[in-house]
Amino acid sequence: MMYGWDVNWAVGGWIAMALMMLLFWGGVVTVVILVLRGPHSTGRDMHAQPWDSAERILNERFARGEIDESELTARRSALRRRP
């Protein structure tokens, strides 16, 4: 009688062990990536210029018809001027 090694598992044991290792290391890599990305990652460009959101609002107001083209270009140029 052999103690310690069960020869009945043969190839199935190796396959099960390989799958468990892949699941374990895949989980570790996933956790590390999620921790490094952090909750502050929203998909936005972190290096976007501060006037980008203001221009977006201007474009939306123009699209809704709240301002006309001359006012849009005047405000857009005022936003793009550097202080």
N, C-alpha and C. Protein backbone atom coordinates (compact mmCIF):
# COMPACT_ATOMS: atom_id res chain seq x y z
N MET A 1 0.84 -1.18 0.00
CA MET A 1 0.00 0.00 0.00
C MET A 1 0.88 1.24 0.00
N MET A 2 0.58 2.18 -0.88
CA MET A 2 1.36 3.41 -0.97
C MET A 2 0.65 4.51 -0.21
N TYR A 3 1.43 5.25 0.56
CA TYR A 3 0.88 6.37 1.29
C TYR A 3 1.41 7.68 0.71
N GLY A 4 0.56 8.68 0.59
CA GLY A 4 1.02 9.99 0.17
C GLY A 4 0.76 10.32 -1.28
N TRP A 5 0.96 9.37 -2.19
CA TRP A 5 0.75 9.64 -3.61
C TRP A 5 -0.32 8.71 -4.13
N ASP A 6 -1.38 9.29 -4.66
CA ASP A 6 -2.46 8.49 -5.22
C ASP A 6 -2.27 8.46 -6.73
N VAL A 7 -1.98 7.31 -7.28
CA VAL A 7 -1.69 7.20 -8.70
C VAL A 7 -2.95 7.14 -9.54
N ASN A 8 -4.12 7.09 -8.94
CA ASN A 8 -5.36 7.02 -9.71
C ASN A 8 -5.69 8.34 -10.40
N TRP A 9 -5.16 9.47 -9.94
CA TRP A 9 -5.49 10.76 -10.54
C TRP A 9 -4.77 10.95 -11.87
N ALA A 10 -3.59 10.51 -11.99
CA ALA A 10 -2.78 10.58 -13.21
C ALA A 10 -2.89 11.92 -13.92
N VAL A 11 -3.36 11.98 -15.16
CA VAL A 11 -3.40 13.19 -15.95
C VAL A 11 -4.46 14.15 -15.44
N GLY A 12 -5.57 13.66 -14.95
CA GLY A 12 -6.65 14.50 -14.45
C GLY A 12 -6.19 15.38 -13.30
N GLY A 13 -5.32 14.87 -12.45
CA GLY A 13 -4.78 15.65 -11.34
C GLY A 13 -3.92 16.80 -11.83
N TRP A 14 -3.11 16.52 -12.85
CA TRP A 14 -2.26 17.57 -13.40
C TRP A 14 -3.09 18.67 -14.07
N ILE A 15 -4.14 18.26 -14.77
CA ILE A 15 -5.01 19.25 -15.42
C ILE A 15 -5.73 20.09 -14.39
N ALA A 16 -6.25 19.44 -13.35
CA ALA A 16 -6.95 20.17 -12.29
C ALA A 16 -5.99 21.13 -11.59
N MET A 17 -4.76 20.68 -11.32
CA MET A 17 -3.78 21.53 -10.66
C MET A 17 -3.41 22.73 -11.55
N ALA A 18 -3.26 22.51 -12.84
CA ALA A 18 -2.92 23.60 -13.76
C ALA A 18 -4.06 24.62 -13.82
N LEU A 19 -5.29 24.16 -13.86
CA LEU A 19 -6.43 25.08 -13.89
C LEU A 19 -6.52 25.89 -12.59
N MET A 20 -6.28 25.25 -11.48
CA MET A 20 -6.32 25.97 -10.20
C MET A 20 -5.21 27.02 -10.11
N MET A 21 -4.05 26.69 -10.64
CA MET A 21 -2.95 27.67 -10.66
C MET A 21 -3.31 28.86 -11.55
N LEU A 22 -3.91 28.60 -12.71
CA LEU A 22 -4.32 29.69 -13.60
C LEU A 22 -5.37 30.57 -12.93
N LEU A 23 -6.34 29.95 -12.28
CA LEU A 23 -7.37 30.72 -11.57
C LEU A 23 -6.76 31.55 -10.45
N PHE A 24 -5.84 30.98 -9.69
CA PHE A 24 -5.22 31.69 -8.58
C PHE A 24 -4.42 32.89 -9.08
N TRP A 25 -3.52 32.67 -10.04
CA TRP A 25 -2.67 33.76 -10.52
C TRP A 25 -3.46 34.78 -11.30
N GLY A 26 -4.51 34.35 -12.00
CA GLY A 26 -5.38 35.30 -12.67
C GLY A 26 -6.08 36.19 -11.67
N GLY A 27 -6.50 35.63 -10.54
CA GLY A 27 -7.12 36.42 -9.48
C GLY A 27 -6.15 37.40 -8.87
N VAL A 28 -4.91 36.97 -8.65
CA VAL A 28 -3.90 37.85 -8.07
C VAL A 28 -3.62 39.02 -9.00
N VAL A 29 -3.46 38.74 -10.29
CA VAL A 29 -3.19 39.80 -11.26
C VAL A 29 -4.38 40.76 -11.34
N THR A 30 -5.59 40.25 -11.31
CA THR A 30 -6.78 41.09 -11.36
C THR A 30 -6.84 42.02 -10.16
N VAL A 31 -6.58 41.50 -8.97
CA VAL A 31 -6.61 42.32 -7.76
C VAL A 31 -5.54 43.41 -7.82
N VAL A 32 -4.34 43.06 -8.28
CA VAL A 32 -3.26 44.05 -8.37
C VAL A 32 -3.63 45.16 -9.35
N ILE A 33 -4.19 44.80 -10.49
CA ILE A 33 -4.58 45.81 -11.48
C ILE A 33 -5.67 46.72 -10.92
N LEU A 34 -6.67 46.14 -10.25
CA LEU A 34 -7.74 46.95 -9.68
C LEU A 34 -7.23 47.88 -8.59
N VAL A 35 -6.28 47.43 -7.80
CA VAL A 35 -5.72 48.28 -6.74
C VAL A 35 -4.90 49.41 -7.34
N LEU A 36 -4.11 49.11 -8.37
CA LEU A 36 -3.29 50.14 -8.99
C LEU A 36 -4.13 51.18 -9.73
N ARG A 37 -5.22 50.76 -10.36
CA ARG A 37 -6.08 51.72 -11.04
C ARG A 37 -6.80 52.60 -10.05
N GLY A 38 -7.25 52.06 -8.97
CA GLY A 38 -7.88 52.83 -7.91
C GLY A 38 -9.26 53.34 -8.28
N PRO A 39 -9.97 53.88 -7.31
CA PRO A 39 -11.32 54.36 -7.54
C PRO A 39 -11.39 55.67 -8.29
N HIS A 40 -10.28 56.41 -8.39
CA HIS A 40 -10.27 57.70 -9.05
C HIS A 40 -10.24 57.60 -10.56
N SER A 41 -10.03 56.42 -11.09
CA SER A 41 -9.97 56.25 -12.54
C SER A 41 -11.38 56.21 -13.11
N THR A 42 -11.75 57.26 -13.86
CA THR A 42 -13.10 57.36 -14.39
C THR A 42 -13.13 57.22 -15.90
N GLY A 43 -12.00 57.00 -16.51
CA GLY A 43 -11.95 56.88 -17.95
C GLY A 43 -11.70 58.21 -18.64
N ARG A 44 -11.71 59.30 -17.91
CA ARG A 44 -11.42 60.61 -18.50
C ARG A 44 -9.92 60.79 -18.64
N ASP A 45 -9.57 61.67 -19.52
CA ASP A 45 -8.16 62.01 -19.69
C ASP A 45 -7.74 62.90 -18.53
N MET A 46 -6.81 62.44 -17.72
CA MET A 46 -6.40 63.19 -16.54
C MET A 46 -5.60 64.43 -16.92
N HIS A 47 -5.11 64.50 -18.17
CA HIS A 47 -4.32 65.64 -18.60
C HIS A 47 -5.12 66.59 -19.49
N ALA A 48 -6.45 66.50 -19.41
CA ALA A 48 -7.30 67.36 -20.24
C ALA A 48 -7.16 68.80 -19.78
N GLN A 49 -7.28 69.69 -20.71
CA GLN A 49 -7.18 71.12 -20.39
C GLN A 49 -8.41 71.54 -19.59
N PRO A 50 -8.27 72.53 -18.72
CA PRO A 50 -9.40 72.92 -17.87
C PRO A 50 -10.56 73.53 -18.65
N TRP A 51 -10.30 74.05 -19.85
CA TRP A 51 -11.39 74.67 -20.60
C TRP A 51 -12.15 73.67 -21.46
N ASP A 52 -11.72 72.40 -21.48
CA ASP A 52 -12.42 71.41 -22.30
C ASP A 52 -13.87 71.24 -21.88
N SER A 53 -14.13 71.18 -20.58
CA SER A 53 -15.51 71.01 -20.15
C SER A 53 -16.32 72.28 -20.42
N ALA A 54 -15.69 73.45 -20.31
CA ALA A 54 -16.39 74.69 -20.61
C ALA A 54 -16.75 74.76 -22.09
N GLU A 55 -15.85 74.30 -22.95
CA GLU A 55 -16.15 74.28 -24.38
C GLU A 55 -17.26 73.29 -24.69
N ARG A 56 -17.25 72.19 -23.99
CA ARG A 56 -18.32 71.20 -24.19
C ARG A 56 -19.67 71.81 -23.84
N ILE A 57 -19.72 72.56 -22.74
CA ILE A 57 -20.97 73.21 -22.34
C ILE A 57 -21.38 74.26 -23.37
N LEU A 58 -20.40 75.02 -23.88
CA LEU A 58 -20.71 76.00 -24.93
C LEU A 58 -21.28 75.32 -26.17
N ASN A 59 -20.68 74.21 -26.57
CA ASN A 59 -21.18 73.48 -27.74
C ASN A 59 -22.60 72.97 -27.52
N GLU A 60 -22.87 72.50 -26.30
CA GLU A 60 -24.22 72.03 -26.00
C GLU A 60 -25.23 73.18 -26.03
N ARG A 61 -24.84 74.32 -25.49
CA ARG A 61 -25.74 75.48 -25.51
C ARG A 61 -26.00 75.94 -26.94
N PHE A 62 -24.97 75.90 -27.79
CA PHE A 62 -25.13 76.26 -29.20
C PHE A 62 -26.06 75.26 -29.90
N ALA A 63 -25.88 73.98 -29.59
CA ALA A 63 -26.71 72.95 -30.21
C ALA A 63 -28.18 73.10 -29.79
N ARG A 64 -28.41 73.53 -28.58
CA ARG A 64 -29.79 73.72 -28.11
C ARG A 64 -30.39 75.03 -28.61
N GLY A 65 -29.58 75.90 -29.17
CA GLY A 65 -30.06 77.17 -29.70
C GLY A 65 -30.10 78.29 -28.68
N GLU A 66 -29.43 78.10 -27.55
CA GLU A 66 -29.42 79.12 -26.50
C GLU A 66 -28.52 80.30 -26.86
N ILE A 67 -27.47 80.03 -27.65
CA ILE A 67 -26.56 81.10 -28.08
C ILE A 67 -26.38 80.98 -29.58
N ASP A 68 -26.01 82.09 -30.20
CA ASP A 68 -25.80 82.06 -31.65
C ASP A 68 -24.32 81.85 -31.96
N GLU A 69 -24.00 81.76 -33.25
CA GLU A 69 -22.64 81.43 -33.67
C GLU A 69 -21.62 82.49 -33.28
N SER A 70 -21.99 83.76 -33.38
CA SER A 70 -21.04 84.83 -33.02
C SER A 70 -20.73 84.79 -31.53
N GLU A 71 -21.74 84.52 -30.71
CA GLU A 71 -21.49 84.43 -29.27
C GLU A 71 -20.65 83.20 -28.95
N LEU A 72 -20.90 82.11 -29.66
CA LEU A 72 -20.12 80.88 -29.47
C LEU A 72 -18.65 81.13 -29.77
N THR A 73 -18.34 81.75 -30.91
CA THR A 73 -16.94 81.97 -31.27
C THR A 73 -16.28 82.98 -30.33
N ALA A 74 -17.03 83.99 -29.89
CA ALA A 74 -16.45 84.97 -28.97
C ALA A 74 -16.11 84.31 -27.63
N ARG A 75 -17.03 83.52 -27.12
CA ARG A 75 -16.77 82.86 -25.83
C ARG A 75 -15.69 81.79 -25.95
N ARG A 76 -15.67 81.08 -27.07
CA ARG A 76 -14.65 80.05 -27.26
C ARG A 76 -13.25 80.68 -27.33
N SER A 77 -13.13 81.81 -28.03
CA SER A 77 -11.82 82.47 -28.09
C SER A 77 -11.43 83.04 -26.74
N ALA A 78 -12.40 83.50 -25.97
CA ALA A 78 -12.10 83.99 -24.62
C ALA A 78 -11.61 82.85 -23.72
N LEU A 79 -12.17 81.68 -23.89
CA LEU A 79 -11.73 80.53 -23.10
C LEU A 79 -10.32 80.09 -23.48
N ARG A 80 -9.99 80.18 -24.75
CA ARG A 80 -8.70 79.68 -25.22
C ARG A 80 -7.55 80.65 -24.99
N ARG A 81 -7.88 81.91 -24.67
CA ARG A 81 -6.82 82.86 -24.36
C ARG A 81 -6.16 82.48 -23.05
N ARG A 82 -4.89 82.53 -23.03
CA ARG A 82 -4.17 82.21 -21.79
C ARG A 82 -4.02 83.42 -20.93
N PRO A 83 -4.23 83.28 -19.62
CA PRO A 83 -4.12 84.43 -18.72
C PRO A 83 -2.70 84.92 -18.55
